[in-house]
Amino acid sequence: MKEKLANWLPPIFCAILSVITVDASASSPSGTAGITAFVCFIPMCFFFAALNTTRLEREIRTLRDQIAKLQPESTP
């Protein structure tokens, strides 16, 4: 379950952040209150995506190493 949720965590976080931004901007007299929160937290979206990508790259590297070990070495 954790691995399935990890793929959806970045877009869920972005959606929640967008809702907070729209709500804060709509309720603010100047309309810019939500933009500060959005700008401050948008790097977290990329961080969450990078965590998942790094995990997948590590898993792919491990699988490639295992496949290389299983394949017989060919001599030219």
N, C-alpha and C. Protein backbone atom coordinates (compact mmCIF):
# COMPACT_ATOMS: atom_id res chain seq x y z
N MET A 1 0.82 -1.19 0.00
CA MET A 1 0.00 0.00 0.00
C MET A 1 0.86 1.26 0.00
N LYS A 2 1.97 1.21 0.73
CA LYS A 2 2.85 2.37 0.83
C LYS A 2 3.43 2.73 -0.53
N GLU A 3 3.81 1.72 -1.32
CA GLU A 3 4.38 1.98 -2.63
C GLU A 3 3.34 2.56 -3.59
N LYS A 4 2.10 2.12 -3.47
CA LYS A 4 1.05 2.67 -4.33
C LYS A 4 0.76 4.12 -3.97
N LEU A 5 0.78 4.43 -2.69
CA LEU A 5 0.53 5.79 -2.24
C LEU A 5 1.68 6.71 -2.62
N ALA A 6 2.89 6.21 -2.64
CA ALA A 6 4.06 7.03 -2.96
C ALA A 6 3.95 7.65 -4.35
N ASN A 7 3.34 6.95 -5.29
CA ASN A 7 3.18 7.49 -6.63
C ASN A 7 2.19 8.65 -6.67
N TRP A 8 1.23 8.63 -5.76
CA TRP A 8 0.18 9.65 -5.77
C TRP A 8 0.44 10.78 -4.79
N LEU A 9 1.45 10.67 -3.94
CA LEU A 9 1.71 11.70 -2.93
C LEU A 9 2.04 13.07 -3.54
N PRO A 10 2.90 13.18 -4.53
CA PRO A 10 3.17 14.51 -5.11
C PRO A 10 1.93 15.19 -5.70
N PRO A 11 1.12 14.50 -6.53
CA PRO A 11 -0.05 15.21 -7.04
C PRO A 11 -1.09 15.53 -5.97
N ILE A 12 -1.21 14.68 -4.96
CA ILE A 12 -2.15 14.97 -3.87
C ILE A 12 -1.69 16.21 -3.10
N PHE A 13 -0.39 16.28 -2.82
CA PHE A 13 0.15 17.44 -2.12
C PHE A 13 -0.06 18.71 -2.94
N CYS A 14 0.18 18.63 -4.26
CA CYS A 14 -0.02 19.80 -5.13
C CYS A 14 -1.48 20.23 -5.14
N ALA A 15 -2.39 19.27 -5.17
CA ALA A 15 -3.81 19.61 -5.17
C ALA A 15 -4.22 20.29 -3.87
N ILE A 16 -3.75 19.76 -2.75
CA ILE A 16 -4.07 20.37 -1.45
C ILE A 16 -3.48 21.77 -1.37
N LEU A 17 -2.25 21.91 -1.83
CA LEU A 17 -1.59 23.22 -1.83
C LEU A 17 -2.35 24.21 -2.70
N SER A 18 -2.84 23.76 -3.83
CA SER A 18 -3.61 24.64 -4.72
C SER A 18 -4.92 25.07 -4.08
N VAL A 19 -5.59 24.14 -3.39
CA VAL A 19 -6.85 24.48 -2.72
C VAL A 19 -6.60 25.50 -1.62
N ILE A 20 -5.54 25.30 -0.86
CA ILE A 20 -5.20 26.25 0.21
C ILE A 20 -4.90 27.63 -0.39
N THR A 21 -4.16 27.65 -1.49
CA THR A 21 -3.81 28.91 -2.13
C THR A 21 -5.04 29.65 -2.65
N VAL A 22 -5.92 28.93 -3.33
CA VAL A 22 -7.14 29.55 -3.86
C VAL A 22 -8.02 30.05 -2.72
N ASP A 23 -8.17 29.26 -1.67
CA ASP A 23 -9.00 29.67 -0.55
C ASP A 23 -8.42 30.89 0.16
N ALA A 24 -7.12 30.89 0.40
CA ALA A 24 -6.49 32.02 1.08
C ALA A 24 -6.53 33.28 0.22
N SER A 25 -6.34 33.11 -1.08
CA SER A 25 -6.39 34.28 -1.97
C SER A 25 -7.79 34.84 -2.08
N ALA A 26 -8.78 33.97 -2.07
CA ALA A 26 -10.17 34.43 -2.18
C ALA A 26 -10.63 35.15 -0.92
N SER A 27 -10.14 34.72 0.23
CA SER A 27 -10.59 35.33 1.48
C SER A 27 -9.74 36.52 1.90
N SER A 28 -8.66 36.77 1.19
CA SER A 28 -7.77 37.89 1.53
C SER A 28 -8.21 39.15 0.80
N PRO A 29 -8.18 40.29 1.47
CA PRO A 29 -8.57 41.54 0.80
C PRO A 29 -7.66 41.88 -0.39
N SER A 30 -6.37 41.62 -0.25
CA SER A 30 -5.45 41.94 -1.34
C SER A 30 -5.37 40.82 -2.36
N GLY A 31 -5.78 39.61 -1.98
CA GLY A 31 -5.76 38.48 -2.90
C GLY A 31 -4.40 37.84 -3.07
N THR A 32 -3.41 38.22 -2.27
CA THR A 32 -2.06 37.67 -2.42
C THR A 32 -1.62 36.82 -1.24
N ALA A 33 -2.47 36.61 -0.27
CA ALA A 33 -2.06 35.86 0.92
C ALA A 33 -1.71 34.41 0.58
N GLY A 34 -2.45 33.79 -0.31
CA GLY A 34 -2.19 32.41 -0.64
C GLY A 34 -0.97 32.20 -1.52
N ILE A 35 -0.57 33.24 -2.24
CA ILE A 35 0.57 33.11 -3.13
C ILE A 35 1.85 32.87 -2.33
N THR A 36 1.99 33.50 -1.18
CA THR A 36 3.18 33.30 -0.35
C THR A 36 3.30 31.85 0.08
N ALA A 37 2.22 31.27 0.54
CA ALA A 37 2.25 29.86 0.94
C ALA A 37 2.55 28.97 -0.25
N PHE A 38 1.97 29.29 -1.39
CA PHE A 38 2.20 28.48 -2.59
C PHE A 38 3.67 28.51 -2.99
N VAL A 39 4.25 29.70 -3.02
CA VAL A 39 5.65 29.83 -3.43
C VAL A 39 6.58 29.16 -2.43
N CYS A 40 6.25 29.23 -1.15
CA CYS A 40 7.11 28.63 -0.13
C CYS A 40 7.05 27.10 -0.15
N PHE A 41 5.90 26.53 -0.49
CA PHE A 41 5.74 25.09 -0.40
C PHE A 41 5.84 24.35 -1.73
N ILE A 42 5.90 25.05 -2.85
CA ILE A 42 5.96 24.37 -4.14
C ILE A 42 7.23 23.51 -4.27
N PRO A 43 8.37 23.87 -3.67
CA PRO A 43 9.52 22.96 -3.76
C PRO A 43 9.26 21.58 -3.14
N MET A 44 8.34 21.50 -2.18
CA MET A 44 8.02 20.21 -1.58
C MET A 44 7.40 19.27 -2.60
N CYS A 45 6.66 19.80 -3.56
CA CYS A 45 6.09 18.95 -4.61
C CYS A 45 7.20 18.27 -5.39
N PHE A 46 8.22 19.04 -5.74
CA PHE A 46 9.35 18.47 -6.47
C PHE A 46 10.14 17.51 -5.59
N PHE A 47 10.24 17.81 -4.30
CA PHE A 47 10.95 16.93 -3.38
C PHE A 47 10.27 15.57 -3.29
N PHE A 48 8.94 15.57 -3.14
CA PHE A 48 8.20 14.31 -3.07
C PHE A 48 8.34 13.51 -4.36
N ALA A 49 8.28 14.19 -5.49
CA ALA A 49 8.45 13.50 -6.77
C ALA A 49 9.86 12.93 -6.89
N ALA A 50 10.85 13.67 -6.41
CA ALA A 50 12.24 13.20 -6.48
C ALA A 50 12.46 12.00 -5.57
N LEU A 51 11.82 11.97 -4.42
CA LEU A 51 11.96 10.81 -3.53
C LEU A 51 11.48 9.54 -4.23
N ASN A 52 10.34 9.62 -4.87
CA ASN A 52 9.78 8.47 -5.54
C ASN A 52 10.65 8.06 -6.74
N THR A 53 11.11 9.04 -7.49
CA THR A 53 11.97 8.76 -8.65
C THR A 53 13.28 8.11 -8.21
N THR A 54 13.85 8.61 -7.14
CA THR A 54 15.11 8.04 -6.62
C THR A 54 14.91 6.59 -6.19
N ARG A 55 13.80 6.32 -5.52
CA ARG A 55 13.51 4.95 -5.10
C ARG A 55 13.36 4.03 -6.31
N LEU A 56 12.67 4.50 -7.32
CA LEU A 56 12.48 3.69 -8.53
C LEU A 56 13.80 3.47 -9.27
N GLU A 57 14.64 4.48 -9.35
CA GLU A 57 15.95 4.32 -10.00
C GLU A 57 16.82 3.30 -9.26
N ARG A 58 16.78 3.35 -7.94
CA ARG A 58 17.54 2.39 -7.13
C ARG A 58 17.05 0.97 -7.38
N GLU A 59 15.73 0.80 -7.45
CA GLU A 59 15.15 -0.51 -7.70
C GLU A 59 15.51 -1.02 -9.09
N ILE A 60 15.48 -0.15 -10.07
CA ILE A 60 15.85 -0.53 -11.44
C ILE A 60 17.31 -0.95 -11.50
N ARG A 61 18.18 -0.18 -10.83
CA ARG A 61 19.61 -0.52 -10.81
C ARG A 61 19.83 -1.90 -10.18
N THR A 62 19.12 -2.17 -9.09
CA THR A 62 19.24 -3.47 -8.42
C THR A 62 18.78 -4.60 -9.35
N LEU A 63 17.67 -4.40 -10.02
CA LEU A 63 17.16 -5.43 -10.94
C LEU A 63 18.11 -5.65 -12.12
N ARG A 64 18.68 -4.59 -12.63
CA ARG A 64 19.65 -4.73 -13.73
C ARG A 64 20.88 -5.52 -13.28
N ASP A 65 21.35 -5.25 -12.07
CA ASP A 65 22.49 -6.00 -11.54
C ASP A 65 22.15 -7.48 -11.39
N GLN A 66 20.94 -7.77 -10.92
CA GLN A 66 20.53 -9.16 -10.77
C GLN A 66 20.42 -9.86 -12.12
N ILE A 67 19.91 -9.17 -13.12
CA ILE A 67 19.80 -9.75 -14.46
C ILE A 67 21.19 -10.01 -15.03
N ALA A 68 22.10 -9.07 -14.83
CA ALA A 68 23.46 -9.23 -15.32
C ALA A 68 24.15 -10.44 -14.69
N LYS A 69 23.87 -10.69 -13.41
CA LYS A 69 24.45 -11.85 -12.74
C LYS A 69 23.88 -13.16 -13.25
N LEU A 70 22.60 -13.15 -13.65
CA LEU A 70 21.96 -14.36 -14.12
C LEU A 70 22.33 -14.72 -15.56
N GLN A 71 22.68 -13.74 -16.35
CA GLN A 71 23.02 -14.00 -17.74
C GLN A 71 24.42 -14.60 -17.83
N PRO A 72 24.55 -15.65 -18.67
CA PRO A 72 25.88 -16.22 -18.84
C PRO A 72 26.77 -15.25 -19.61
N GLU A 73 28.02 -15.25 -19.22
CA GLU A 73 28.96 -14.38 -19.92
C GLU A 73 29.30 -14.99 -21.27
N SER A 74 29.18 -14.18 -22.30
CA SER A 74 29.49 -14.67 -23.64
C SER A 74 30.90 -14.29 -24.00
N THR A 75 31.59 -15.22 -24.62
CA THR A 75 32.97 -14.95 -25.04
C THR A 75 32.99 -14.75 -26.54
N PRO A 76 33.64 -13.70 -27.02
CA PRO A 76 33.64 -13.43 -28.47
C PRO A 76 34.55 -14.37 -29.24
